[in-house]
Amino acid sequence: MRILPLLCALLLLMLQGAAGLSLARGSPQDCERRGGFCSRGSCPPGIGRVGICSEQDFCCRRRWYP
């Protein structure tokens, strides 16, 4: 019975972290603030999609490789 509160807390933390992984709909200014740029249709090769600027534009940012 002592494990139940720990499992609830862990589930809450996982759900809170997953909320930040979604593609956020924002403005071009939000995209630039995140270090990205708006691209129509899709992002160029080697560039990751980090958000949405508008209905047709995606916020893209270079992927960081260690």
PDB file of N, CA and C in Angstrom:
ATOM      1  N   MET A   1       0.808  -1.203   0.000  1.00  0.00           N
ATOM      2  CA  MET A   1       0.000   0.000   0.000  1.00  0.00           C
ATOM      3  C   MET A   1       0.850   1.266   0.000  1.00  0.00           C
ATOM      4  N   ARG A   2       2.077   1.178   0.455  1.00  0.00           N
ATOM      5  CA  ARG A   2       2.928   2.372   0.467  1.00  0.00           C
ATOM      6  C   ARG A   2       3.430   2.719  -0.934  1.00  0.00           C
ATOM      7  N   ILE A   3       3.379   1.769  -1.822  1.00  0.00           N
ATOM      8  CA  ILE A   3       3.886   2.003  -3.178  1.00  0.00           C
ATOM      9  C   ILE A   3       2.894   2.805  -4.019  1.00  0.00           C
ATOM     10  N   LEU A   4       1.633   2.764  -3.675  1.00  0.00           N
ATOM     11  CA  LEU A   4       0.611   3.444  -4.466  1.00  0.00           C
ATOM     12  C   LEU A   4       0.848   4.952  -4.586  1.00  0.00           C
ATOM     13  N   PRO A   5       1.151   5.684  -3.497  1.00  0.00           N
ATOM     14  CA  PRO A   5       1.432   7.116  -3.661  1.00  0.00           C
ATOM     15  C   PRO A   5       2.663   7.385  -4.533  1.00  0.00           C
ATOM     16  N   LEU A   6       3.661   6.515  -4.436  1.00  0.00           N
ATOM     17  CA  LEU A   6       4.854   6.685  -5.271  1.00  0.00           C
ATOM     18  C   LEU A   6       4.521   6.465  -6.742  1.00  0.00           C
ATOM     19  N   LEU A   7       3.708   5.478  -7.035  1.00  0.00           N
ATOM     20  CA  LEU A   7       3.319   5.235  -8.416  1.00  0.00           C
ATOM     21  C   LEU A   7       2.494   6.391  -8.966  1.00  0.00           C
ATOM     22  N   CYS A   8       1.616   6.956  -8.160  1.00  0.00           N
ATOM     23  CA  CYS A   8       0.821   8.112  -8.593  1.00  0.00           C
ATOM     24  C   CYS A   8       1.718   9.311  -8.883  1.00  0.00           C
ATOM     25  N   ALA A   9       2.690   9.553  -8.035  1.00  0.00           N
ATOM     26  CA  ALA A   9       3.612  10.669  -8.231  1.00  0.00           C
ATOM     27  C   ALA A   9       4.444  10.459  -9.498  1.00  0.00           C
ATOM     28  N   LEU A  10       4.902   9.245  -9.728  1.00  0.00           N
ATOM     29  CA  LEU A  10       5.674   8.940 -10.923  1.00  0.00           C
ATOM     30  C   LEU A  10       4.829   9.127 -12.181  1.00  0.00           C
ATOM     31  N   LEU A  11       3.604   8.674 -12.148  1.00  0.00           N
ATOM     32  CA  LEU A  11       2.708   8.847 -13.287  1.00  0.00           C
ATOM     33  C   LEU A  11       2.466  10.324 -13.568  1.00  0.00           C
ATOM     34  N   LEU A  12       2.267  11.106 -12.536  1.00  0.00           N
ATOM     35  CA  LEU A  12       2.060  12.545 -12.705  1.00  0.00           C
ATOM     36  C   LEU A  12       3.277  13.202 -13.333  1.00  0.00           C
ATOM     37  N   LEU A  13       4.469  12.835 -12.899  1.00  0.00           N
ATOM     38  CA  LEU A  13       5.696  13.406 -13.467  1.00  0.00           C
ATOM     39  C   LEU A  13       5.865  13.010 -14.929  1.00  0.00           C
ATOM     40  N   MET A  14       5.524  11.780 -15.266  1.00  0.00           N
ATOM     41  CA  MET A  14       5.649  11.334 -16.654  1.00  0.00           C
ATOM     42  C   MET A  14       4.669  12.079 -17.555  1.00  0.00           C
ATOM     43  N   LEU A  15       3.457  12.270 -17.088  1.00  0.00           N
ATOM     44  CA  LEU A  15       2.461  12.979 -17.886  1.00  0.00           C
ATOM     45  C   LEU A  15       2.828  14.444 -18.056  1.00  0.00           C
ATOM     46  N   GLN A  16       3.391  15.047 -17.032  1.00  0.00           N
ATOM     47  CA  GLN A  16       3.787  16.443 -17.113  1.00  0.00           C
ATOM     48  C   GLN A  16       4.940  16.611 -18.103  1.00  0.00           C
ATOM     49  N   GLY A  17       5.873  15.691 -18.118  1.00  0.00           N
ATOM     50  CA  GLY A  17       6.992  15.757 -19.052  1.00  0.00           C
ATOM     51  C   GLY A  17       6.564  15.519 -20.484  1.00  0.00           C
ATOM     52  N   ALA A  18       5.592  14.640 -20.689  1.00  0.00           N
ATOM     53  CA  ALA A  18       5.118  14.339 -22.035  1.00  0.00           C
ATOM     54  C   ALA A  18       4.374  15.520 -22.637  1.00  0.00           C
ATOM     55  N   ALA A  19       3.787  16.365 -21.812  1.00  0.00           N
ATOM     56  CA  ALA A  19       3.054  17.524 -22.327  1.00  0.00           C
ATOM     57  C   ALA A  19       3.996  18.490 -23.037  1.00  0.00           C
ATOM     58  N   GLY A  20       5.225  18.563 -22.623  1.00  0.00           N
ATOM     59  CA  GLY A  20       6.180  19.469 -23.249  1.00  0.00           C
ATOM     60  C   GLY A  20       6.738  18.952 -24.563  1.00  0.00           C
ATOM     61  N   LEU A  21       6.466  17.711 -24.905  1.00  0.00           N
ATOM     62  CA  LEU A  21       7.000  17.142 -26.127  1.00  0.00           C
ATOM     63  C   LEU A  21       6.111  17.353 -27.341  1.00  0.00           C
ATOM     64  N   SER A  22       4.937  17.861 -27.130  1.00  0.00           N
ATOM     65  CA  SER A  22       4.026  18.044 -28.257  1.00  0.00           C
ATOM     66  C   SER A  22       4.469  19.223 -29.118  1.00  0.00           C
ATOM     67  N   LEU A  23       4.019  19.232 -30.366  1.00  0.00           N
ATOM     68  CA  LEU A  23       4.324  20.342 -31.263  1.00  0.00           C
ATOM     69  C   LEU A  23       3.430  21.512 -30.883  1.00  0.00           C
ATOM     70  N   ALA A  24       4.027  22.560 -30.415  1.00  0.00           N
ATOM     71  CA  ALA A  24       3.258  23.712 -29.966  1.00  0.00           C
ATOM     72  C   ALA A  24       2.882  24.600 -31.139  1.00  0.00           C
ATOM     73  N   ARG A  25       1.620  25.012 -31.185  1.00  0.00           N
ATOM     74  CA  ARG A  25       1.183  25.955 -32.212  1.00  0.00           C
ATOM     75  C   ARG A  25       1.497  27.351 -31.695  1.00  0.00           C
ATOM     76  N   GLY A  26       2.273  28.071 -32.449  1.00  0.00           N
ATOM     77  CA  GLY A  26       2.663  29.398 -32.022  1.00  0.00           C
ATOM     78  C   GLY A  26       2.787  30.338 -33.199  1.00  0.00           C
ATOM     79  N   SER A  27       3.507  31.386 -32.982  1.00  0.00           N
ATOM     80  CA  SER A  27       3.716  32.399 -34.010  1.00  0.00           C
ATOM     81  C   SER A  27       5.169  32.335 -34.480  1.00  0.00           C
ATOM     82  N   PRO A  28       5.482  32.993 -35.573  1.00  0.00           N
ATOM     83  CA  PRO A  28       6.878  33.038 -36.012  1.00  0.00           C
ATOM     84  C   PRO A  28       7.809  33.622 -34.940  1.00  0.00           C
ATOM     85  N   GLN A  29       7.293  34.542 -34.146  1.00  0.00           N
ATOM     86  CA  GLN A  29       8.116  35.113 -33.076  1.00  0.00           C
ATOM     87  C   GLN A  29       8.436  34.056 -32.018  1.00  0.00           C
ATOM     88  N   ASP A  30       7.459  33.201 -31.695  1.00  0.00           N
ATOM     89  CA  ASP A  30       7.711  32.113 -30.743  1.00  0.00           C
ATOM     90  C   ASP A  30       8.764  31.158 -31.291  1.00  0.00           C
ATOM     91  N   CYS A  31       8.681  30.883 -32.594  1.00  0.00           N
ATOM     92  CA  CYS A  31       9.637  29.982 -33.229  1.00  0.00           C
ATOM     93  C   CYS A  31      11.049  30.569 -33.159  1.00  0.00           C
ATOM     94  N   GLU A  32      11.192  31.834 -33.472  1.00  0.00           N
ATOM     95  CA  GLU A  32      12.508  32.478 -33.413  1.00  0.00           C
ATOM     96  C   GLU A  32      13.037  32.506 -31.990  1.00  0.00           C
ATOM     97  N   ARG A  33      12.163  32.689 -31.027  1.00  0.00           N
ATOM     98  CA  ARG A  33      12.563  32.708 -29.619  1.00  0.00           C
ATOM     99  C   ARG A  33      13.116  31.345 -29.212  1.00  0.00           C
ATOM    100  N   ARG A  34      12.608  30.280 -29.851  1.00  0.00           N
ATOM    101  CA  ARG A  34      13.079  28.925 -29.553  1.00  0.00           C
ATOM    102  C   ARG A  34      14.332  28.571 -30.344  1.00  0.00           C
ATOM    103  N   GLY A  35      14.833  29.510 -31.136  1.00  0.00           N
ATOM    104  CA  GLY A  35      16.048  29.279 -31.911  1.00  0.00           C
ATOM    105  C   GLY A  35      15.792  28.601 -33.244  1.00  0.00           C
ATOM    106  N   GLY A  36      14.565  28.718 -33.760  1.00  0.00           N
ATOM    107  CA  GLY A  36      14.219  28.067 -35.012  1.00  0.00           C
ATOM    108  C   GLY A  36      13.835  29.056 -36.094  1.00  0.00           C
ATOM    109  N   PHE A  37      13.324  28.500 -37.185  1.00  0.00           N
ATOM    110  CA  PHE A  37      12.846  29.310 -38.301  1.00  0.00           C
ATOM    111  C   PHE A  37      11.615  28.622 -38.877  1.00  0.00           C
ATOM    112  N   CYS A  38      10.754  29.382 -39.540  1.00  0.00           N
ATOM    113  CA  CYS A  38       9.543  28.838 -40.141  1.00  0.00           C
ATOM    114  C   CYS A  38       9.841  28.350 -41.553  1.00  0.00           C
ATOM    115  N   SER A  39       9.325  27.174 -41.884  1.00  0.00           N
ATOM    116  CA  SER A  39       9.524  26.585 -43.205  1.00  0.00           C
ATOM    117  C   SER A  39       8.176  26.090 -43.721  1.00  0.00           C
ATOM    118  N   ARG A  40       7.869  26.403 -44.971  1.00  0.00           N
ATOM    119  CA  ARG A  40       6.586  26.005 -45.556  1.00  0.00           C
ATOM    120  C   ARG A  40       6.618  24.535 -45.959  1.00  0.00           C
ATOM    121  N   GLY A  41       5.594  23.798 -45.580  1.00  0.00           N
ATOM    122  CA  GLY A  41       5.459  22.395 -45.983  1.00  0.00           C
ATOM    123  C   GLY A  41       6.167  21.428 -45.059  1.00  0.00           C
ATOM    124  N   SER A  42       7.475  21.428 -45.063  1.00  0.00           N
ATOM    125  CA  SER A  42       8.244  20.531 -44.205  1.00  0.00           C
ATOM    126  C   SER A  42       9.616  21.141 -43.950  1.00  0.00           C
ATOM    127  N   CYS A  43      10.299  20.565 -42.997  1.00  0.00           N
ATOM    128  CA  CYS A  43      11.636  21.052 -42.665  1.00  0.00           C
ATOM    129  C   CYS A  43      12.662  20.441 -43.620  1.00  0.00           C
ATOM    130  N   PRO A  44      13.745  21.166 -43.917  1.00  0.00           N
ATOM    131  CA  PRO A  44      14.804  20.626 -44.779  1.00  0.00           C
ATOM    132  C   PRO A  44      15.456  19.398 -44.135  1.00  0.00           C
ATOM    133  N   PRO A  45      16.136  18.561 -44.935  1.00  0.00           N
ATOM    134  CA  PRO A  45      16.825  17.383 -44.387  1.00  0.00           C
ATOM    135  C   PRO A  45      17.856  17.790 -43.330  1.00  0.00           C
ATOM    136  N   GLY A  46      17.918  17.028 -42.254  1.00  0.00           N
ATOM    137  CA  GLY A  46      18.857  17.303 -41.174  1.00  0.00           C
ATOM    138  C   GLY A  46      18.365  18.323 -40.177  1.00  0.00           C
ATOM    139  N   ILE A  47      17.179  18.868 -40.417  1.00  0.00           N
ATOM    140  CA  ILE A  47      16.595  19.870 -39.536  1.00  0.00           C
ATOM    141  C   ILE A  47      15.354  19.255 -38.905  1.00  0.00           C
ATOM    142  N   GLY A  48      15.203  19.392 -37.600  1.00  0.00           N
ATOM    143  CA  GLY A  48      14.068  18.802 -36.895  1.00  0.00           C
ATOM    144  C   GLY A  48      12.911  19.763 -36.739  1.00  0.00           C
ATOM    145  N   ARG A  49      11.711  19.215 -36.676  1.00  0.00           N
ATOM    146  CA  ARG A  49      10.496  20.003 -36.463  1.00  0.00           C
ATOM    147  C   ARG A  49      10.289  20.167 -34.962  1.00  0.00           C
ATOM    148  N   VAL A  50      10.206  21.423 -34.503  1.00  0.00           N
ATOM    149  CA  VAL A  50      10.054  21.682 -33.068  1.00  0.00           C
ATOM    150  C   VAL A  50       8.746  22.401 -32.737  1.00  0.00           C
ATOM    151  N   GLY A  51       7.955  22.725 -33.735  1.00  0.00           N
ATOM    152  CA  GLY A  51       6.692  23.406 -33.477  1.00  0.00           C
ATOM    153  C   GLY A  51       5.974  23.730 -34.772  1.00  0.00           C
ATOM    154  N   ILE A  52       4.916  24.503 -34.648  1.00  0.00           N
ATOM    155  CA  ILE A  52       4.103  24.898 -35.796  1.00  0.00           C
ATOM    156  C   ILE A  52       3.961  26.418 -35.780  1.00  0.00           C
ATOM    157  N   CYS A  53       4.295  27.054 -36.907  1.00  0.00           N
ATOM    158  CA  CYS A  53       4.165  28.508 -37.019  1.00  0.00           C
ATOM    159  C   CYS A  53       2.754  28.904 -37.453  1.00  0.00           C
ATOM    160  N   SER A  54       2.190  28.151 -38.403  1.00  0.00           N
ATOM    161  CA  SER A  54       0.830  28.414 -38.883  1.00  0.00           C
ATOM    162  C   SER A  54       0.300  27.116 -39.478  1.00  0.00           C
ATOM    163  N   GLU A  55      -0.824  27.184 -40.170  1.00  0.00           N
ATOM    164  CA  GLU A  55      -1.425  25.974 -40.735  1.00  0.00           C
ATOM    165  C   GLU A  55      -0.493  25.271 -41.723  1.00  0.00           C
ATOM    166  N   GLN A  56       0.268  26.032 -42.518  1.00  0.00           N
ATOM    167  CA  GLN A  56       1.145  25.433 -43.525  1.00  0.00           C
ATOM    168  C   GLN A  56       2.619  25.471 -43.151  1.00  0.00           C
ATOM    169  N   ASP A  57       2.996  26.242 -42.151  1.00  0.00           N
ATOM    170  CA  ASP A  57       4.401  26.451 -41.815  1.00  0.00           C
ATOM    171  C   ASP A  57       4.775  25.707 -40.533  1.00  0.00           C
ATOM    172  N   PHE A  58       5.936  25.067 -40.570  1.00  0.00           N
ATOM    173  CA  PHE A  58       6.460  24.382 -39.397  1.00  0.00           C
ATOM    174  C   PHE A  58       7.651  25.147 -38.852  1.00  0.00           C
ATOM    175  N   CYS A  59       7.829  25.086 -37.543  1.00  0.00           N
ATOM    176  CA  CYS A  59       8.998  25.668 -36.899  1.00  0.00           C
ATOM    177  C   CYS A  59      10.089  24.602 -36.920  1.00  0.00           C
ATOM    178  N   CYS A  60      11.219  24.924 -37.513  1.00  0.00           N
ATOM    179  CA  CYS A  60      12.314  23.971 -37.679  1.00  0.00           C
ATOM    180  C   CYS A  60      13.557  24.480 -36.951  1.00  0.00           C
ATOM    181  N   ARG A  61      14.360  23.521 -36.477  1.00  0.00           N
ATOM    182  CA  ARG A  61      15.613  23.876 -35.811  1.00  0.00           C
ATOM    183  C   ARG A  61      16.615  22.765 -36.052  1.00  0.00           C
ATOM    184  N   ARG A  62      17.866  23.149 -36.231  1.00  0.00           N
ATOM    185  CA  ARG A  62      18.933  22.176 -36.476  1.00  0.00           C
ATOM    186  C   ARG A  62      19.037  21.235 -35.273  1.00  0.00           C
ATOM    187  N   ARG A  63      19.187  19.956 -35.581  1.00  0.00           N
ATOM    188  CA  ARG A  63      19.348  18.955 -34.521  1.00  0.00           C
ATOM    189  C   ARG A  63      20.767  19.021 -33.990  1.00  0.00           C
ATOM    190  N   TRP A  64      20.896  18.809 -32.695  1.00  0.00           N
ATOM    191  CA  TRP A  64      22.212  18.836 -32.061  1.00  0.00           C
ATOM    192  C   TRP A  64      22.676  17.413 -31.867  1.00  0.00           C
ATOM    193  N   TYR A  65      23.840  17.089 -32.427  1.00  0.00           N
ATOM    194  CA  TYR A  65      24.419  15.762 -32.258  1.00  0.00           C
ATOM    195  C   TYR A  65      25.669  15.884 -31.406  1.00  0.00           C
ATOM    196  N   PRO A  66      25.816  15.016 -30.419  1.00  0.00           N
ATOM    197  CA  PRO A  66      27.029  15.081 -29.564  1.00  0.00           C
ATOM    198  C   PRO A  66      28.274  14.618 -30.272  1.00  0.00           C
TER     199      PRO A  66
END
